[in-house]
């Protein structure tokens, strides 16, 4: 993996120290990965990889910060509603 160096003002240090992680590097990687995921610039799996965490660990971090990790779209709602309607009809037909 290629690396690059970034210089940040010291004002960032107090905020960085509040983040999860054992080292400043780990804290910044996690924070950037969360930001990229929330901004929909990377997938959940890629964000976990960039943060150096397993998918489960990264999901746990997102949950701890009340960040939704799964998108539930209008299409999902429609599909669920259609399925409920179909199952209800099958159940009615079965009970008749």
PDB file of N, CA and C in Angstrom:
ATOM      1  N   UNK A   1       0.846  -1.179   0.000  1.00  0.00           N
ATOM      2  CA  UNK A   1       0.000   0.000   0.000  1.00  0.00           C
ATOM      3  C   UNK A   1       0.890   1.240   0.000  1.00  0.00           C
ATOM      4  N   UNK A   2       0.541   2.209  -0.812  1.00  0.00           N
ATOM      5  CA  UNK A   2       1.268   3.468  -0.848  1.00  0.00           C
ATOM      6  C   UNK A   2       0.745   4.390   0.247  1.00  0.00           C
ATOM      7  N   UNK A   3       1.609   5.264   0.736  1.00  0.00           N
ATOM      8  CA  UNK A   3       1.245   6.182   1.814  1.00  0.00           C
ATOM      9  C   UNK A   3       1.576   7.608   1.415  1.00  0.00           C
ATOM     10  N   UNK A   4       0.933   8.558   2.083  1.00  0.00           N
ATOM     11  CA  UNK A   4       1.280   9.961   1.934  1.00  0.00           C
ATOM     12  C   UNK A   4       1.199  10.608   3.308  1.00  0.00           C
ATOM     13  N   UNK A   5       1.863  11.726   3.457  1.00  0.00           N
ATOM     14  CA  UNK A   5       1.925  12.403   4.747  1.00  0.00           C
ATOM     15  C   UNK A   5       1.090  13.672   4.688  1.00  0.00           C
ATOM     16  N   UNK A   6       0.444  13.982   5.805  1.00  0.00           N
ATOM     17  CA  UNK A   6      -0.399  15.169   5.897  1.00  0.00           C
ATOM     18  C   UNK A   6       0.005  15.947   7.139  1.00  0.00           C
ATOM     19  N   UNK A   7       0.117  17.238   7.014  1.00  0.00           N
ATOM     20  CA  UNK A   7       0.388  18.105   8.163  1.00  0.00           C
ATOM     21  C   UNK A   7      -0.910  18.776   8.572  1.00  0.00           C
ATOM     22  N   UNK A   8      -1.254  18.651   9.850  1.00  0.00           N
ATOM     23  CA  UNK A   8      -2.479  19.238  10.370  1.00  0.00           C
ATOM     24  C   UNK A   8      -2.150  20.211  11.494  1.00  0.00           C
ATOM     25  N   UNK A   9      -2.950  21.256  11.642  1.00  0.00           N
ATOM     26  CA  UNK A   9      -2.746  22.168  12.775  1.00  0.00           C
ATOM     27  C   UNK A   9      -2.955  21.429  14.104  1.00  0.00           C
ATOM     28  N   UNK A  10      -2.259  21.851  15.148  1.00  0.00           N
ATOM     29  CA  UNK A  10      -2.344  21.201  16.456  1.00  0.00           C
ATOM     30  C   UNK A  10      -3.749  21.253  17.041  1.00  0.00           C
ATOM     31  N   UNK A  11      -4.569  22.164  16.566  1.00  0.00           N
ATOM     32  CA  UNK A  11      -5.943  22.266  17.071  1.00  0.00           C
ATOM     33  C   UNK A  11      -6.718  20.966  16.838  1.00  0.00           C
ATOM     34  N   UNK A  12      -6.312  20.187  15.859  1.00  0.00           N
ATOM     35  CA  UNK A  12      -6.963  18.915  15.588  1.00  0.00           C
ATOM     36  C   UNK A  12      -6.666  17.872  16.670  1.00  0.00           C
ATOM     37  N   UNK A  13      -5.551  18.004  17.358  1.00  0.00           N
ATOM     38  CA  UNK A  13      -5.081  16.974  18.277  1.00  0.00           C
ATOM     39  C   UNK A  13      -6.067  16.678  19.399  1.00  0.00           C
ATOM     40  N   UNK A  14      -6.669  17.691  19.990  1.00  0.00           N
ATOM     41  CA  UNK A  14      -7.604  17.435  21.094  1.00  0.00           C
ATOM     42  C   UNK A  14      -8.817  16.649  20.594  1.00  0.00           C
ATOM     43  N   UNK A  15      -9.311  16.982  19.404  1.00  0.00           N
ATOM     44  CA  UNK A  15     -10.448  16.247  18.840  1.00  0.00           C
ATOM     45  C   UNK A  15     -10.032  14.830  18.458  1.00  0.00           C
ATOM     46  N   UNK A  16      -8.855  14.683  17.892  1.00  0.00           N
ATOM     47  CA  UNK A  16      -8.355  13.369  17.491  1.00  0.00           C
ATOM     48  C   UNK A  16      -8.200  12.455  18.706  1.00  0.00           C
ATOM     49  N   UNK A  17      -7.743  13.004  19.817  1.00  0.00           N
ATOM     50  CA  UNK A  17      -7.546  12.200  21.022  1.00  0.00           C
ATOM     51  C   UNK A  17      -8.851  11.638  21.573  1.00  0.00           C
ATOM     52  N   UNK A  18      -9.972  12.239  21.218  1.00  0.00           N
ATOM     53  CA  UNK A  18     -11.286  11.765  21.663  1.00  0.00           C
ATOM     54  C   UNK A  18     -11.789  10.584  20.837  1.00  0.00           C
ATOM     55  N   UNK A  19     -11.161  10.333  19.699  1.00  0.00           N
ATOM     56  CA  UNK A  19     -11.610   9.261  18.803  1.00  0.00           C
ATOM     57  C   UNK A  19     -11.174   7.896  19.320  1.00  0.00           C
ATOM     58  N   UNK A  20     -11.837   6.843  18.793  1.00  0.00           N
ATOM     59  CA  UNK A  20     -11.480   5.472  19.140  1.00  0.00           C
ATOM     60  C   UNK A  20     -10.196   5.077  18.438  1.00  0.00           C
ATOM     61  N   UNK A  21      -9.388   4.288  19.124  1.00  0.00           N
ATOM     62  CA  UNK A  21      -8.160   3.786  18.529  1.00  0.00           C
ATOM     63  C   UNK A  21      -7.006   3.884  19.496  1.00  0.00           C
ATOM     64  N   UNK A  22      -5.986   3.091  19.240  1.00  0.00           N
ATOM     65  CA  UNK A  22      -4.825   3.047  20.128  1.00  0.00           C
ATOM     66  C   UNK A  22      -3.762   4.068  19.766  1.00  0.00           C
ATOM     67  N   UNK A  23      -3.712   4.440  18.492  1.00  0.00           N
ATOM     68  CA  UNK A  23      -2.704   5.392  18.045  1.00  0.00           C
ATOM     69  C   UNK A  23      -3.394   6.536  17.299  1.00  0.00           C
ATOM     70  N   UNK A  24      -2.683   7.624  17.141  1.00  0.00           N
ATOM     71  CA  UNK A  24      -3.224   8.749  16.380  1.00  0.00           C
ATOM     72  C   UNK A  24      -3.534   8.302  14.961  1.00  0.00           C
ATOM     73  N   UNK A  25      -2.649   7.509  14.381  1.00  0.00           N
ATOM     74  CA  UNK A  25      -2.872   7.010  13.016  1.00  0.00           C
ATOM     75  C   UNK A  25      -4.158   6.191  12.929  1.00  0.00           C
ATOM     76  N   UNK A  26      -4.362   5.277  13.880  1.00  0.00           N
ATOM     77  CA  UNK A  26      -5.569   4.444  13.877  1.00  0.00           C
ATOM     78  C   UNK A  26      -6.818   5.295  14.047  1.00  0.00           C
ATOM     79  N   UNK A  27      -6.736   6.307  14.896  1.00  0.00           N
ATOM     80  CA  UNK A  27      -7.879   7.188  15.137  1.00  0.00           C
ATOM     81  C   UNK A  27      -8.241   7.975  13.883  1.00  0.00           C
ATOM     82  N   UNK A  28      -7.234   8.487  13.198  1.00  0.00           N
ATOM     83  CA  UNK A  28      -7.476   9.262  11.987  1.00  0.00           C
ATOM     84  C   UNK A  28      -7.985   8.367  10.866  1.00  0.00           C
ATOM     85  N   UNK A  29      -7.421   7.175  10.726  1.00  0.00           N
ATOM     86  CA  UNK A  29      -7.895   6.240   9.695  1.00  0.00           C
ATOM     87  C   UNK A  29      -9.368   5.907   9.909  1.00  0.00           C
ATOM     88  N   UNK A  30      -9.748   5.645  11.149  1.00  0.00           N
ATOM     89  CA  UNK A  30     -11.141   5.325  11.451  1.00  0.00           C
ATOM     90  C   UNK A  30     -12.048   6.513  11.151  1.00  0.00           C
ATOM     91  N   UNK A  31     -11.640   7.674  11.567  1.00  0.00           N
ATOM     92  CA  UNK A  31     -12.447   8.870  11.331  1.00  0.00           C
ATOM     93  C   UNK A  31     -12.623   9.150   9.845  1.00  0.00           C
ATOM     94  N   UNK A  32     -11.555   9.030   9.079  1.00  0.00           N
ATOM     95  CA  UNK A  32     -11.646   9.248   7.633  1.00  0.00           C
ATOM     96  C   UNK A  32     -12.520   8.182   6.970  1.00  0.00           C
ATOM     97  N   UNK A  33     -12.374   6.945   7.398  1.00  0.00           N
ATOM     98  CA  UNK A  33     -13.181   5.865   6.820  1.00  0.00           C
ATOM     99  C   UNK A  33     -14.665   6.096   7.098  1.00  0.00           C
ATOM    100  N   UNK A  34     -14.990   6.522   8.311  1.00  0.00           N
ATOM    101  CA  UNK A  34     -16.390   6.826   8.646  1.00  0.00           C
ATOM    102  C   UNK A  34     -16.893   7.961   7.767  1.00  0.00           C
ATOM    103  N   UNK A  35     -16.101   9.007   7.635  1.00  0.00           N
ATOM    104  CA  UNK A  35     -16.500  10.144   6.807  1.00  0.00           C
ATOM    105  C   UNK A  35     -16.717   9.763   5.358  1.00  0.00           C
ATOM    106  N   UNK A  36     -15.841   8.947   4.824  1.00  0.00           N
ATOM    107  CA  UNK A  36     -15.984   8.500   3.433  1.00  0.00           C
ATOM    108  C   UNK A  36     -17.221   7.634   3.257  1.00  0.00           C
ATOM    109  N   UNK A  37     -17.503   6.779   4.258  1.00  0.00           N
ATOM    110  CA  UNK A  37     -18.694   5.936   4.184  1.00  0.00           C
ATOM    111  C   UNK A  37     -19.966   6.773   4.283  1.00  0.00           C
ATOM    112  N   UNK A  38     -20.015   7.664   5.248  1.00  0.00           N
ATOM    113  CA  UNK A  38     -21.200   8.510   5.431  1.00  0.00           C
ATOM    114  C   UNK A  38     -21.435   9.373   4.196  1.00  0.00           C
ATOM    115  N   UNK A  39     -20.358   9.834   3.572  1.00  0.00           N
ATOM    116  CA  UNK A  39     -20.451  10.632   2.358  1.00  0.00           C
ATOM    117  C   UNK A  39     -20.721   9.812   1.113  1.00  0.00           C
ATOM    118  N   UNK A  40     -20.886   8.511   1.291  1.00  0.00           N
ATOM    119  CA  UNK A  40     -21.181   7.573   0.199  1.00  0.00           C
ATOM    120  C   UNK A  40     -20.096   7.562  -0.878  1.00  0.00           C
ATOM    121  N   UNK A  41     -18.866   7.791  -0.431  1.00  0.00           N
ATOM    122  CA  UNK A  41     -17.742   7.758  -1.358  1.00  0.00           C
ATOM    123  C   UNK A  41     -17.106   6.372  -1.426  1.00  0.00           C
ATOM    124  N   UNK A  42     -17.343   5.556  -0.395  1.00  0.00           N
ATOM    125  CA  UNK A  42     -16.858   4.187  -0.386  1.00  0.00           C
ATOM    126  C   UNK A  42     -17.951   3.288   0.177  1.00  0.00           C
ATOM    127  N   UNK A  43     -17.846   2.006  -0.127  1.00  0.00           N
ATOM    128  CA  UNK A  43     -18.797   1.033   0.400  1.00  0.00           C
ATOM    129  C   UNK A  43     -18.487   0.746   1.866  1.00  0.00           C
ATOM    130  N   UNK A  44     -19.403   0.069   2.503  1.00  0.00           N
ATOM    131  CA  UNK A  44     -19.206  -0.335   3.896  1.00  0.00           C
ATOM    132  C   UNK A  44     -17.958  -1.208   4.026  1.00  0.00           C
ATOM    133  N   UNK A  45     -17.826  -2.176   3.126  1.00  0.00           N
ATOM    134  CA  UNK A  45     -16.668  -3.079   3.173  1.00  0.00           C
ATOM    135  C   UNK A  45     -15.361  -2.334   2.954  1.00  0.00           C
ATOM    136  N   UNK A  46     -15.347  -1.401   2.011  1.00  0.00           N
ATOM    137  CA  UNK A  46     -14.125  -0.630   1.738  1.00  0.00           C
ATOM    138  C   UNK A  46     -13.782   0.269   2.923  1.00  0.00           C
ATOM    139  N   UNK A  47     -14.789   0.871   3.540  1.00  0.00           N
ATOM    140  CA  UNK A  47     -14.553   1.731   4.700  1.00  0.00           C
ATOM    141  C   UNK A  47     -13.944   0.918   5.844  1.00  0.00           C
ATOM    142  N   UNK A  48     -14.464  -0.285   6.065  1.00  0.00           N
ATOM    143  CA  UNK A  48     -13.913  -1.148   7.112  1.00  0.00           C
ATOM    144  C   UNK A  48     -12.453  -1.470   6.814  1.00  0.00           C
ATOM    145  N   UNK A  49     -12.185  -1.787   5.559  1.00  0.00           N
ATOM    146  CA  UNK A  49     -10.812  -2.091   5.154  1.00  0.00           C
ATOM    147  C   UNK A  49      -9.897  -0.890   5.383  1.00  0.00           C
ATOM    148  N   UNK A  50     -10.337   0.290   4.968  1.00  0.00           N
ATOM    149  CA  UNK A  50      -9.527   1.497   5.145  1.00  0.00           C
ATOM    150  C   UNK A  50      -9.280   1.803   6.624  1.00  0.00           C
ATOM    151  N   UNK A  51     -10.253   1.477   7.463  1.00  0.00           N
ATOM    152  CA  UNK A  51     -10.126   1.714   8.901  1.00  0.00           C
ATOM    153  C   UNK A  51      -9.268   0.656   9.582  1.00  0.00           C
ATOM    154  N   UNK A  52      -8.957  -0.429   8.858  1.00  0.00           N
ATOM    155  CA  UNK A  52      -8.177  -1.502   9.452  1.00  0.00           C
ATOM    156  C   UNK A  52      -9.000  -2.344  10.414  1.00  0.00           C
ATOM    157  N   UNK A  53     -10.288  -2.448  10.137  1.00  0.00           N
ATOM    158  CA  UNK A  53     -11.198  -3.201  11.001  1.00  0.00           C
ATOM    159  C   UNK A  53     -11.916  -4.265  10.186  1.00  0.00           C
ATOM    160  N   UNK A  54     -12.387  -5.294  10.900  1.00  0.00           N
ATOM    161  CA  UNK A  54     -13.244  -6.269  10.234  1.00  0.00           C
ATOM    162  C   UNK A  54     -14.582  -5.591   9.962  1.00  0.00           C
ATOM    163  N   UNK A  55     -15.371  -6.185   9.092  1.00  0.00           N
ATOM    164  CA  UNK A  55     -16.680  -5.620   8.782  1.00  0.00           C
ATOM    165  C   UNK A  55     -17.532  -5.522  10.050  1.00  0.00           C
ATOM    166  N   UNK A  56     -17.537  -6.570  10.860  1.00  0.00           N
ATOM    167  CA  UNK A  56     -18.304  -6.562  12.101  1.00  0.00           C
ATOM    168  C   UNK A  56     -17.843  -5.485  13.067  1.00  0.00           C
ATOM    169  N   UNK A  57     -16.532  -5.321  13.203  1.00  0.00           N
ATOM    170  CA  UNK A  57     -15.993  -4.283  14.093  1.00  0.00           C
ATOM    171  C   UNK A  57     -16.391  -2.892  13.607  1.00  0.00           C
ATOM    172  N   UNK A  58     -16.326  -2.696  12.288  1.00  0.00           N
ATOM    173  CA  UNK A  58     -16.665  -1.379  11.738  1.00  0.00           C
ATOM    174  C   UNK A  58     -18.151  -1.087  11.932  1.00  0.00           C
ATOM    175  N   UNK A  59     -18.993  -2.094  11.734  1.00  0.00           N
ATOM    176  CA  UNK A  59     -20.431  -1.917  11.967  1.00  0.00           C
ATOM    177  C   UNK A  59     -20.680  -1.569  13.426  1.00  0.00           C
ATOM    178  N   UNK A  60     -19.973  -2.227  14.346  1.00  0.00           N
ATOM    179  CA  UNK A  60     -20.122  -1.915  15.765  1.00  0.00           C
ATOM    180  C   UNK A  60     -19.749  -0.466  16.071  1.00  0.00           C
ATOM    181  N   UNK A  61     -18.685   0.019  15.434  1.00  0.00           N
ATOM    182  CA  UNK A  61     -18.281   1.416  15.617  1.00  0.00           C
ATOM    183  C   UNK A  61     -19.386   2.346  15.115  1.00  0.00           C
ATOM    184  N   UNK A  62     -19.915   2.053  13.931  1.00  0.00           N
ATOM    185  CA  UNK A  62     -20.990   2.880  13.384  1.00  0.00           C
ATOM    186  C   UNK A  62     -22.208   2.868  14.309  1.00  0.00           C
ATOM    187  N   UNK A  63     -22.567   1.697  14.805  1.00  0.00           N
ATOM    188  CA  UNK A  63     -23.707   1.584  15.738  1.00  0.00           C
ATOM    189  C   UNK A  63     -23.465   2.417  16.993  1.00  0.00           C
ATOM    190  N   UNK A  64     -22.243   2.361  17.520  1.00  0.00           N
ATOM    191  CA  UNK A  64     -21.926   3.101  18.751  1.00  0.00           C
ATOM    192  C   UNK A  64     -22.048   4.606  18.551  1.00  0.00           C
ATOM    193  N   UNK A  65     -21.945   5.036  17.303  1.00  0.00           N
ATOM    194  CA  UNK A  65     -22.063   6.458  16.972  1.00  0.00           C
ATOM    195  C   UNK A  65     -23.428   6.791  16.377  1.00  0.00           C
ATOM    196  N   UNK A  66     -24.348   5.820  16.418  1.00  0.00           N
ATOM    197  CA  UNK A  66     -25.711   5.978  15.883  1.00  0.00           C
ATOM    198  C   UNK A  66     -25.690   6.373  14.402  1.00  0.00           C
ATOM    199  N   UNK A  67     -24.743   5.791  13.658  1.00  0.00           N
ATOM    200  CA  UNK A  67     -24.643   6.023  12.221  1.00  0.00           C
ATOM    201  C   UNK A  67     -25.251   4.815  11.515  1.00  0.00           C
ATOM    202  N   UNK A  68     -26.301   5.025  10.730  1.00  0.00           N
ATOM    203  CA  UNK A  68     -26.890   3.883  10.027  1.00  0.00           C
ATOM    204  C   UNK A  68     -25.901   3.279   9.045  1.00  0.00           C
ATOM    205  N   UNK A  69     -25.797   1.963   9.080  1.00  0.00           N
ATOM    206  CA  UNK A  69     -24.840   1.298   8.194  1.00  0.00           C
ATOM    207  C   UNK A  69     -25.530   0.572   7.053  1.00  0.00           C
ATOM    208  N   UNK A  70     -26.849   0.481   7.130  1.00  0.00           N
ATOM    209  CA  UNK A  70     -27.591  -0.194   6.088  1.00  0.00           C
ATOM    210  C   UNK A  70     -28.631   0.783   5.553  1.00  0.00           C
ATOM    211  N   UNK A  71     -28.688   0.920   4.260  1.00  0.00           N
ATOM    212  CA  UNK A  71     -29.630   1.844   3.646  1.00  0.00           C
ATOM    213  C   UNK A  71     -30.929   1.110   3.329  1.00  0.00           C
ATOM    214  N   UNK A  72     -32.027   1.675   3.777  1.00  0.00           N
ATOM    215  CA  UNK A  72     -33.351   1.101   3.549  1.00  0.00           C
ATOM    216  C   UNK A  72     -34.107   2.075   2.662  1.00  0.00           C
ATOM    217  N   UNK A  73     -34.204   1.751   1.392  1.00  0.00           N
ATOM    218  CA  UNK A  73     -34.751   2.679   0.402  1.00  0.00           C
ATOM    219  C   UNK A  73     -36.252   2.506   0.230  1.00  0.00           C
ATOM    220  N   UNK A  74     -36.849   3.415  -0.531  1.00  0.00           N
ATOM    221  CA  UNK A  74     -38.274   3.311  -0.869  1.00  0.00           C
ATOM    222  C   UNK A  74     -38.549   2.004  -1.610  1.00  0.00           C
ATOM    223  N   UNK A  75     -37.614   1.576  -2.439  1.00  0.00           N
ATOM    224  CA  UNK A  75     -37.770   0.315  -3.162  1.00  0.00           C
ATOM    225  C   UNK A  75     -37.830  -0.867  -2.194  1.00  0.00           C
ATOM    226  N   UNK A  76     -36.994  -0.830  -1.158  1.00  0.00           N
ATOM    227  CA  UNK A  76     -37.038  -1.881  -0.142  1.00  0.00           C
ATOM    228  C   UNK A  76     -38.405  -1.899   0.555  1.00  0.00           C
ATOM    229  N   UNK A  77     -38.920  -0.729   0.873  1.00  0.00           N
ATOM    230  CA  UNK A  77     -40.227  -0.637   1.529  1.00  0.00           C
ATOM    231  C   UNK A  77     -41.301  -1.237   0.632  1.00  0.00           C
ATOM    232  N   UNK A  78     -41.267  -0.879  -0.645  1.00  0.00           N
ATOM    233  CA  UNK A  78     -42.254  -1.411  -1.590  1.00  0.00           C
ATOM    234  C   UNK A  78     -42.144  -2.928  -1.691  1.00  0.00           C
ATOM    235  N   UNK A  79     -40.917  -3.439  -1.797  1.00  0.00           N
ATOM    236  CA  UNK A  79     -40.723  -4.890  -1.872  1.00  0.00           C
ATOM    237  C   UNK A  79     -41.256  -5.590  -0.622  1.00  0.00           C
ATOM    238  N   UNK A  80     -40.989  -4.992   0.542  1.00  0.00           N
ATOM    239  CA  UNK A  80     -41.481  -5.576   1.789  1.00  0.00           C
ATOM    240  C   UNK A  80     -43.003  -5.556   1.831  1.00  0.00           C
ATOM    241  N   UNK A  81     -43.594  -4.444   1.415  1.00  0.00           N
ATOM    242  CA  UNK A  81     -45.050  -4.341   1.408  1.00  0.00           C
ATOM    243  C   UNK A  81     -45.664  -5.377   0.461  1.00  0.00           C
ATOM    244  N   UNK A  82     -45.087  -5.516  -0.715  1.00  0.00           N
ATOM    245  CA  UNK A  82     -45.579  -6.517  -1.669  1.00  0.00           C
ATOM    246  C   UNK A  82     -45.498  -7.928  -1.075  1.00  0.00           C
ATOM    247  N   UNK A  83     -44.414  -8.212  -0.394  1.00  0.00           N
ATOM    248  CA  UNK A  83     -44.242  -9.529   0.227  1.00  0.00           C
ATOM    249  C   UNK A  83     -45.275  -9.752   1.324  1.00  0.00           C
ATOM    250  N   UNK A  84     -45.515  -8.727   2.150  1.00  0.00           N
ATOM    251  CA  UNK A  84     -46.522  -8.843   3.205  1.00  0.00           C
ATOM    252  C   UNK A  84     -47.897  -9.100   2.595  1.00  0.00           C
ATOM    253  N   UNK A  85     -48.220  -8.371   1.538  1.00  0.00           N
ATOM    254  CA  UNK A  85     -49.506  -8.558   0.878  1.00  0.00           C
ATOM    255  C   UNK A  85     -49.636  -9.974   0.314  1.00  0.00           C
ATOM    256  N   UNK A  86     -48.588 -10.463  -0.318  1.00  0.00           N
ATOM    257  CA  UNK A  86     -48.597 -11.805  -0.899  1.00  0.00           C
ATOM    258  C   UNK A  86     -48.766 -12.857   0.191  1.00  0.00           C
ATOM    259  N   UNK A  87     -48.016 -12.726   1.287  1.00  0.00           N
ATOM    260  CA  UNK A  87     -48.110 -13.694   2.375  1.00  0.00           C
ATOM    261  C   UNK A  87     -49.486 -13.653   3.044  1.00  0.00           C
ATOM    262  N   UNK A  88     -50.041 -12.460   3.174  1.00  0.00           N
ATOM    263  CA  UNK A  88     -51.377 -12.324   3.759  1.00  0.00           C
ATOM    264  C   UNK A  88     -52.405 -13.033   2.894  1.00  0.00           C
ATOM    265  N   UNK A  89     -52.296 -12.837   1.585  1.00  0.00           N
ATOM    266  CA  UNK A  89     -53.226 -13.489   0.658  1.00  0.00           C
ATOM    267  C   UNK A  89     -53.076 -15.003   0.727  1.00  0.00           C
ATOM    268  N   UNK A  90     -51.836 -15.493   0.720  1.00  0.00           N
ATOM    269  CA  UNK A  90     -51.597 -16.936   0.814  1.00  0.00           C
ATOM    270  C   UNK A  90     -52.156 -17.490   2.117  1.00  0.00           C
ATOM    271  N   UNK A  91     -51.996 -16.738   3.198  1.00  0.00           N
ATOM    272  CA  UNK A  91     -52.507 -17.186   4.492  1.00  0.00           C
ATOM    273  C   UNK A  91     -54.039 -17.249   4.491  1.00  0.00           C
ATOM    274  N   UNK A  92     -54.673 -16.245   3.907  1.00  0.00           N
ATOM    275  CA  UNK A  92     -56.146 -16.235   3.796  1.00  0.00           C
ATOM    276  C   UNK A  92     -56.619 -17.405   2.944  1.00  0.00           C
ATOM    277  N   UNK A  93     -55.954 -17.618   1.801  1.00  0.00           N
ATOM    278  CA  UNK A  93     -56.337 -18.714   0.908  1.00  0.00           C
ATOM    279  C   UNK A  93     -56.169 -20.069   1.584  1.00  0.00           C
ATOM    280  N   UNK A  94     -55.126 -20.192   2.369  1.00  0.00           N
ATOM    281  CA  UNK A  94     -54.847 -21.453   3.062  1.00  0.00           C
ATOM    282  C   UNK A  94     -55.889 -21.734   4.152  1.00  0.00           C
ATOM    283  N   UNK A  95     -56.366 -20.684   4.804  1.00  0.00           N
ATOM    284  CA  UNK A  95     -57.322 -20.843   5.907  1.00  0.00           C
ATOM    285  C   UNK A  95     -58.772 -20.976   5.438  1.00  0.00           C
ATOM    286  N   UNK A  96     -59.019 -20.789   4.173  1.00  0.00           N
ATOM    287  CA  UNK A  96     -60.406 -20.880   3.673  1.00  0.00           C
ATOM    288  C   UNK A  96     -60.833 -22.295   3.433  1.00  0.00           C
TER     289      UNK A  96
END
